[in-house]
N, C-alpha and C. Protein backbone atom coordinates (compact mmCIF):
# COMPACT_ATOMS: atom_id res chain seq x y z
N UNK A 1 178.56 -56.29 17.79
CA UNK A 1 179.13 -57.63 17.67
C UNK A 1 178.68 -58.49 18.82
N UNK A 2 177.38 -59.07 18.75
CA UNK A 2 177.13 -59.92 19.80
C UNK A 2 177.30 -61.39 19.45
N UNK A 3 177.73 -62.11 20.56
CA UNK A 3 178.14 -63.56 20.28
C UNK A 3 179.54 -63.59 19.50
N UNK A 4 179.98 -64.75 19.12
CA UNK A 4 181.22 -64.88 18.48
C UNK A 4 181.30 -64.11 17.10
N UNK A 5 182.41 -63.50 17.02
CA UNK A 5 182.50 -62.84 15.51
C UNK A 5 182.71 -63.65 14.49
N UNK A 6 182.27 -63.32 13.34
CA UNK A 6 182.42 -64.28 12.24
C UNK A 6 183.83 -64.02 11.58
N UNK A 7 184.59 -63.01 11.96
CA UNK A 7 185.77 -62.69 11.38
C UNK A 7 186.63 -61.97 12.46
N UNK A 8 187.85 -61.76 11.96
CA UNK A 8 188.92 -61.04 12.84
C UNK A 8 189.04 -59.67 12.32
N UNK A 9 189.93 -58.99 12.91
CA UNK A 9 190.12 -57.54 12.55
C UNK A 9 190.44 -57.28 11.27
N UNK A 10 191.15 -58.35 10.52
CA UNK A 10 191.53 -58.14 9.31
C UNK A 10 190.38 -57.88 8.20
N UNK A 11 189.22 -58.32 8.49
CA UNK A 11 188.23 -58.25 7.59
C UNK A 11 187.01 -57.45 8.12
N UNK A 12 187.22 -56.67 9.31
CA UNK A 12 186.10 -56.23 10.10
C UNK A 12 186.02 -54.61 9.52
N UNK A 13 184.66 -54.08 9.72
CA UNK A 13 184.41 -52.75 9.13
C UNK A 13 185.07 -51.82 10.27
N UNK A 14 185.15 -50.47 10.14
CA UNK A 14 185.62 -49.52 11.19
C UNK A 14 184.71 -49.53 12.17
N UNK A 15 183.46 -49.72 12.18
CA UNK A 15 182.67 -49.69 13.28
C UNK A 15 182.89 -51.09 14.21
N UNK A 16 183.02 -52.11 13.68
CA UNK A 16 183.22 -53.55 14.25
C UNK A 16 184.66 -53.36 14.94
N UNK A 17 185.59 -52.70 14.22
CA UNK A 17 186.82 -52.47 14.83
C UNK A 17 186.89 -51.64 16.23
N UNK A 18 186.05 -50.46 16.03
CA UNK A 18 186.05 -49.76 17.30
C UNK A 18 185.23 -50.26 18.49
N UNK A 19 184.33 -51.10 18.12
CA UNK A 19 183.56 -51.97 19.14
C UNK A 19 184.63 -52.99 19.69
N UNK A 20 185.15 -53.85 18.78
CA UNK A 20 186.11 -54.78 19.29
C UNK A 20 187.34 -54.14 20.16
N UNK A 21 187.72 -52.94 19.52
CA UNK A 21 188.94 -52.33 20.28
C UNK A 21 188.32 -51.89 21.78
N UNK A 22 187.30 -51.44 21.83
CA UNK A 22 186.78 -51.07 23.24
C UNK A 22 186.56 -52.41 24.15
N UNK A 23 186.09 -53.43 23.41
CA UNK A 23 185.98 -54.84 24.18
C UNK A 23 187.40 -55.06 24.78
N UNK A 24 188.40 -55.14 23.91
CA UNK A 24 189.58 -55.56 24.20
C UNK A 24 190.33 -54.71 25.28
N UNK A 25 190.14 -53.40 25.01
CA UNK A 25 190.58 -52.46 26.17
C UNK A 25 189.89 -52.74 27.58
N UNK A 26 188.76 -53.15 27.51
CA UNK A 26 188.10 -53.27 28.79
C UNK A 26 188.73 -54.61 29.24
N UNK A 27 188.78 -55.68 28.66
CA UNK A 27 189.40 -56.81 28.92
C UNK A 27 191.00 -56.54 29.53
N UNK A 28 191.63 -55.85 28.88
CA UNK A 28 192.90 -55.53 29.42
C UNK A 28 192.81 -54.82 30.86
N UNK A 29 191.90 -53.75 30.60
CA UNK A 29 191.74 -53.20 32.02
C UNK A 29 191.43 -54.08 33.26
N UNK A 30 190.51 -55.06 33.06
CA UNK A 30 190.03 -55.90 33.89
C UNK A 30 191.19 -56.66 34.34
N UNK A 31 192.04 -57.21 33.38
CA UNK A 31 193.28 -57.93 33.84
C UNK A 31 194.22 -57.36 34.66
N UNK A 32 194.46 -56.01 34.34
CA UNK A 32 195.22 -55.01 35.28
C UNK A 32 194.78 -54.90 36.55
N UNK A 33 193.64 -54.75 36.79
CA UNK A 33 192.77 -54.80 38.10
C UNK A 33 192.96 -56.04 38.77
N UNK A 34 192.90 -57.08 38.13
CA UNK A 34 193.14 -58.45 38.63
C UNK A 34 194.40 -58.78 39.21
N UNK A 35 195.49 -58.13 38.67
CA UNK A 35 196.74 -58.35 38.98
C UNK A 35 196.98 -58.23 40.70
N UNK A 36 196.48 -57.05 41.24
CA UNK A 36 196.73 -56.90 42.81
C UNK A 36 195.99 -58.03 43.54
N UNK A 37 194.85 -58.28 42.94
CA UNK A 37 193.87 -59.49 43.73
C UNK A 37 194.67 -60.56 43.78
N UNK A 38 195.22 -61.08 42.69
CA UNK A 38 196.03 -62.20 42.73
C UNK A 38 197.24 -62.27 43.55
N UNK A 39 198.00 -61.08 43.66
CA UNK A 39 199.05 -60.73 44.33
C UNK A 39 198.64 -60.95 45.75
N UNK A 40 197.49 -60.52 46.21
CA UNK A 40 196.94 -60.60 47.66
C UNK A 40 196.73 -62.04 48.21
N UNK A 41 196.70 -62.88 47.24
CA UNK A 41 196.38 -64.51 47.60
C UNK A 41 197.50 -64.91 48.51
N UNK A 42 197.20 -65.63 49.65
CA UNK A 42 198.29 -66.32 50.44
C UNK A 42 199.01 -67.48 49.90
N UNK A 43 199.62 -67.36 48.65
CA UNK A 43 200.10 -68.50 47.94
C UNK A 43 201.50 -67.92 47.60
N UNK A 44 202.46 -68.95 47.11
CA UNK A 44 203.85 -68.63 46.95
C UNK A 44 203.81 -67.80 45.60
N UNK A 45 204.92 -67.19 45.33
CA UNK A 45 205.19 -66.23 44.32
C UNK A 45 204.93 -67.05 42.79
N UNK A 46 205.48 -68.22 42.77
CA UNK A 46 205.21 -68.99 41.49
C UNK A 46 203.84 -69.45 41.25
N UNK A 47 203.18 -69.93 42.26
CA UNK A 47 201.81 -70.23 42.21
C UNK A 47 200.97 -69.05 41.77
N UNK A 48 201.02 -67.91 42.29
CA UNK A 48 200.16 -66.72 41.93
C UNK A 48 200.77 -66.32 40.61
N UNK A 49 201.85 -66.37 40.08
CA UNK A 49 202.11 -66.08 38.68
C UNK A 49 201.59 -67.20 37.76
N UNK A 50 201.73 -68.54 38.03
CA UNK A 50 200.92 -69.39 37.24
C UNK A 50 199.54 -69.17 37.25
N UNK A 51 198.80 -68.84 38.23
CA UNK A 51 197.44 -68.31 38.04
C UNK A 51 197.25 -67.36 37.08
N UNK A 52 198.06 -66.20 37.26
CA UNK A 52 197.92 -65.10 36.19
C UNK A 52 198.23 -65.67 34.85
N UNK A 53 199.23 -66.53 34.58
CA UNK A 53 199.46 -67.18 33.45
C UNK A 53 198.20 -67.66 32.63
N UNK A 54 197.65 -68.67 33.42
CA UNK A 54 196.47 -69.30 33.26
C UNK A 54 195.23 -68.40 32.65
N UNK A 55 195.04 -67.53 33.57
CA UNK A 55 194.00 -66.39 33.12
C UNK A 55 194.30 -65.80 31.96
N UNK A 56 195.58 -65.38 31.65
CA UNK A 56 196.06 -64.80 30.44
C UNK A 56 195.91 -65.67 29.25
N UNK A 57 196.01 -66.99 29.48
CA UNK A 57 195.98 -67.93 28.51
C UNK A 57 194.45 -68.15 27.88
N UNK A 58 193.64 -67.97 28.94
CA UNK A 58 192.22 -68.29 28.63
C UNK A 58 191.77 -67.08 28.01
N UNK A 59 192.22 -65.93 28.32
CA UNK A 59 191.85 -64.64 27.89
C UNK A 59 192.15 -64.64 26.37
N UNK A 60 193.53 -65.04 26.04
CA UNK A 60 193.94 -64.81 24.72
C UNK A 60 193.00 -65.89 23.80
N UNK A 61 192.70 -67.06 24.47
CA UNK A 61 191.88 -68.06 23.61
C UNK A 61 190.45 -67.40 23.38
N UNK A 62 189.93 -66.64 24.37
CA UNK A 62 188.58 -66.12 24.11
C UNK A 62 188.99 -64.97 23.19
N UNK A 63 189.85 -64.09 23.13
CA UNK A 63 190.02 -63.04 22.34
C UNK A 63 190.12 -63.60 20.80
N UNK A 64 190.78 -64.76 20.57
CA UNK A 64 190.81 -65.40 19.28
C UNK A 64 189.39 -65.89 19.04
N UNK A 65 188.52 -66.57 19.70
CA UNK A 65 187.28 -66.97 19.74
C UNK A 65 186.36 -65.76 19.21
N UNK A 66 186.47 -64.73 19.95
CA UNK A 66 185.69 -63.74 19.88
C UNK A 66 186.01 -62.62 18.68
N UNK A 67 187.22 -62.88 17.95
CA UNK A 67 187.64 -62.02 16.87
C UNK A 67 188.14 -60.71 17.33
N UNK A 68 188.63 -60.63 18.51
CA UNK A 68 189.21 -59.53 19.17
C UNK A 68 190.58 -59.14 18.78
N UNK A 69 190.93 -59.06 17.57
CA UNK A 69 192.26 -58.74 17.02
C UNK A 69 192.75 -59.36 15.67
N UNK A 70 193.90 -59.21 15.60
CA UNK A 70 194.42 -59.99 14.44
C UNK A 70 195.01 -61.26 14.62
N UNK A 71 194.47 -61.97 13.81
CA UNK A 71 194.60 -63.67 14.04
C UNK A 71 196.22 -64.02 14.27
N UNK A 72 197.05 -63.54 13.46
CA UNK A 72 198.45 -63.92 13.60
C UNK A 72 199.14 -63.59 15.00
N UNK A 73 198.59 -62.41 15.32
CA UNK A 73 199.17 -61.83 16.68
C UNK A 73 198.55 -62.58 17.76
N UNK A 74 197.30 -62.87 17.75
CA UNK A 74 196.66 -63.58 18.83
C UNK A 74 197.13 -65.04 18.80
N UNK A 75 197.46 -65.69 17.73
CA UNK A 75 198.07 -66.98 17.86
C UNK A 75 199.56 -66.96 18.34
N UNK A 76 200.21 -65.91 18.22
CA UNK A 76 201.55 -65.68 18.84
C UNK A 76 201.34 -65.53 20.26
N UNK A 77 200.30 -64.64 20.74
CA UNK A 77 200.05 -64.57 22.09
C UNK A 77 199.64 -65.80 22.87
N UNK A 78 199.05 -66.68 22.07
CA UNK A 78 198.66 -68.26 22.50
C UNK A 78 199.93 -69.08 22.83
N UNK A 79 200.74 -68.92 21.76
CA UNK A 79 201.95 -69.58 21.79
C UNK A 79 202.84 -69.10 23.21
N UNK A 80 202.97 -67.85 23.19
CA UNK A 80 203.90 -67.27 24.35
C UNK A 80 203.24 -67.56 25.68
N UNK A 81 201.88 -67.43 25.66
CA UNK A 81 201.25 -67.69 27.16
C UNK A 81 201.14 -69.21 27.47
N UNK A 82 201.10 -70.00 26.53
CA UNK A 82 201.04 -71.41 26.76
C UNK A 82 202.47 -71.99 27.01
N UNK A 83 203.53 -71.40 26.54
CA UNK A 83 204.86 -71.54 26.96
C UNK A 83 205.07 -71.15 28.52
N UNK A 84 204.51 -69.97 28.81
CA UNK A 84 204.79 -69.49 30.11
C UNK A 84 204.06 -70.37 30.98
N UNK A 85 202.91 -70.73 30.77
CA UNK A 85 202.01 -71.66 31.72
C UNK A 85 202.83 -72.89 31.84
N UNK A 86 203.42 -73.52 30.78
CA UNK A 86 204.22 -74.64 30.88
C UNK A 86 205.30 -74.57 31.74
N UNK A 87 206.18 -73.50 31.63
CA UNK A 87 207.31 -73.37 32.38
C UNK A 87 206.85 -73.00 34.04
N UNK A 88 205.93 -72.28 34.17
CA UNK A 88 205.52 -72.10 35.42
C UNK A 88 204.94 -73.26 36.08
N UNK A 89 204.15 -74.07 35.40
CA UNK A 89 203.45 -75.11 36.11
C UNK A 89 204.68 -76.09 36.36
N UNK A 90 205.64 -76.28 35.47
CA UNK A 90 206.82 -77.12 35.92
C UNK A 90 207.43 -76.69 37.12
N UNK A 91 207.58 -75.42 37.25
CA UNK A 91 208.42 -74.82 38.52
C UNK A 91 207.42 -75.22 39.67
N UNK A 92 206.17 -74.91 39.66
CA UNK A 92 205.19 -75.33 40.97
C UNK A 92 205.23 -76.74 40.98
N UNK A 93 205.56 -77.70 40.15
CA UNK A 93 205.62 -79.18 40.46
C UNK A 93 206.97 -79.47 40.98
N UNK A 94 207.94 -78.87 40.47
CA UNK A 94 209.12 -79.14 41.23
C UNK A 94 209.32 -78.56 42.56
N UNK A 95 208.56 -77.40 43.05
CA UNK A 95 208.61 -76.84 44.35
C UNK A 95 207.80 -77.84 45.25
N UNK A 96 206.80 -78.42 44.48
CA UNK A 96 206.06 -79.38 45.37
C UNK A 96 206.78 -80.72 45.60
N UNK A 97 207.91 -80.93 44.86
CA UNK A 97 208.62 -82.12 44.94
C UNK A 97 210.00 -81.77 45.68
N UNK A 98 209.90 -80.48 46.33
CA UNK A 98 211.09 -79.94 47.09
C UNK A 98 212.30 -79.74 46.19
N UNK A 99 212.27 -79.36 45.07
CA UNK A 99 213.32 -78.97 44.32
C UNK A 99 213.14 -77.43 43.94
N UNK A 100 214.14 -76.68 44.56
CA UNK A 100 213.65 -75.27 44.62
C UNK A 100 214.83 -74.44 43.84
N UNK A 101 215.85 -75.34 43.12
CA UNK A 101 216.84 -74.62 42.54
C UNK A 101 216.69 -74.09 41.06
N UNK A 102 215.50 -74.14 40.64
CA UNK A 102 215.20 -73.74 39.13
C UNK A 102 214.45 -72.51 39.17
N UNK A 103 214.95 -71.64 39.66
CA UNK A 103 214.41 -70.10 39.65
C UNK A 103 214.29 -69.72 38.08
N UNK A 104 215.09 -70.16 37.31
CA UNK A 104 215.29 -69.69 35.95
C UNK A 104 213.94 -69.96 35.28
N UNK A 105 213.20 -71.01 35.68
CA UNK A 105 211.87 -71.28 35.10
C UNK A 105 210.86 -70.15 35.43
N UNK A 106 210.83 -69.70 36.63
CA UNK A 106 209.92 -68.70 36.88
C UNK A 106 210.26 -67.36 36.26
N UNK A 107 211.61 -67.06 36.21
CA UNK A 107 211.97 -65.93 35.61
C UNK A 107 211.69 -65.87 34.14
N UNK A 108 211.82 -67.06 33.31
CA UNK A 108 211.39 -67.06 31.95
C UNK A 108 209.98 -66.98 31.75
N UNK A 109 209.29 -67.68 32.50
CA UNK A 109 207.87 -67.65 32.69
C UNK A 109 207.38 -66.22 32.80
N UNK A 110 207.83 -65.53 33.73
CA UNK A 110 207.58 -64.08 33.85
C UNK A 110 207.90 -63.11 32.83
N UNK A 111 209.00 -63.36 32.16
CA UNK A 111 209.43 -62.77 30.96
C UNK A 111 208.52 -63.01 29.78
N UNK A 112 208.20 -64.18 29.55
CA UNK A 112 207.17 -64.44 28.58
C UNK A 112 205.73 -63.89 28.83
N UNK A 113 205.29 -63.70 30.10
CA UNK A 113 204.07 -63.08 30.42
C UNK A 113 204.17 -61.66 29.91
N UNK A 114 205.47 -61.06 30.25
CA UNK A 114 205.49 -59.53 29.83
C UNK A 114 205.49 -59.45 28.34
N UNK A 115 206.12 -60.25 27.68
CA UNK A 115 206.20 -60.37 26.21
C UNK A 115 204.66 -60.45 25.68
N UNK A 116 204.03 -61.47 26.22
CA UNK A 116 202.64 -61.69 25.85
C UNK A 116 201.75 -60.40 25.99
N UNK A 117 201.96 -59.86 27.15
CA UNK A 117 201.22 -58.59 27.48
C UNK A 117 201.45 -57.52 26.50
N UNK A 118 202.89 -57.52 26.03
CA UNK A 118 203.13 -56.41 25.08
C UNK A 118 202.52 -56.67 23.70
N UNK A 119 202.38 -57.94 23.43
CA UNK A 119 201.61 -58.28 22.13
C UNK A 119 200.17 -58.05 22.38
N UNK A 120 199.49 -58.03 23.43
CA UNK A 120 198.21 -57.65 23.74
C UNK A 120 198.03 -56.23 23.39
N UNK A 121 199.03 -55.45 24.04
CA UNK A 121 198.95 -54.05 23.90
C UNK A 121 199.04 -53.73 22.44
N UNK A 122 199.89 -54.40 21.73
CA UNK A 122 200.27 -54.00 20.25
C UNK A 122 198.88 -54.44 19.55
N UNK A 123 198.35 -55.62 19.80
CA UNK A 123 197.10 -56.02 19.05
C UNK A 123 196.16 -54.76 19.23
N UNK A 124 196.04 -54.28 20.47
CA UNK A 124 194.79 -53.17 20.65
C UNK A 124 195.36 -52.05 19.83
N UNK A 125 196.59 -51.61 19.81
CA UNK A 125 197.06 -50.47 19.08
C UNK A 125 196.97 -50.61 17.47
N UNK A 126 197.30 -51.96 16.96
CA UNK A 126 197.08 -52.22 15.71
C UNK A 126 195.60 -51.99 15.44
N UNK A 127 194.70 -52.59 16.11
CA UNK A 127 193.24 -52.47 15.86
C UNK A 127 192.61 -50.95 15.73
N UNK A 128 193.21 -50.01 16.56
CA UNK A 128 192.83 -48.74 16.65
C UNK A 128 193.36 -48.08 15.44
N UNK A 129 194.66 -48.32 15.04
CA UNK A 129 195.31 -47.74 13.84
C UNK A 129 194.41 -48.27 12.51
N UNK A 130 194.12 -49.42 12.58
CA UNK A 130 193.41 -49.85 11.41
C UNK A 130 191.91 -49.13 11.33
N UNK A 131 191.34 -48.96 12.53
CA UNK A 131 189.93 -48.28 12.51
C UNK A 131 190.13 -46.95 11.90
N UNK A 132 191.28 -46.19 12.45
CA UNK A 132 191.39 -44.85 11.88
C UNK A 132 191.83 -44.82 10.36
N UNK A 133 192.51 -45.87 9.91
CA UNK A 133 192.87 -45.96 8.38
C UNK A 133 191.55 -46.30 7.46
N UNK A 134 190.78 -47.02 8.10
CA UNK A 134 189.61 -47.51 7.24
C UNK A 134 188.51 -46.41 7.21
N UNK A 135 188.57 -45.26 7.81
CA UNK A 135 187.61 -44.35 7.68
C UNK A 135 187.36 -43.78 6.45
């Protein structure tokens, strides 16, 4: 599957599903490795979290564009990640304005990132199951 996929996992052949599953697993592995690198940045906790949220949002958009998964689940991931980005960006803005009492925004954003990550894992699992079923 070179270039953008013409379809998503719903219409893919077993071979295309395996290739897309491998690409998605590599993406998820790269994101796991990227986590400690972001944590090492000399920034505040919320700023580091919002950087991770933006990276996850961009990855989810690429996965949708590249056909790396099931479209409804990818759209759900994008909604979850964009909500997390919004909440975390508002928190960074409030901290910049010296309003530090809204820690609930950071916690809600982090929770949404975890839920979105679970959706990404579920997407990969569903692709692997679909490739086994279509044999």
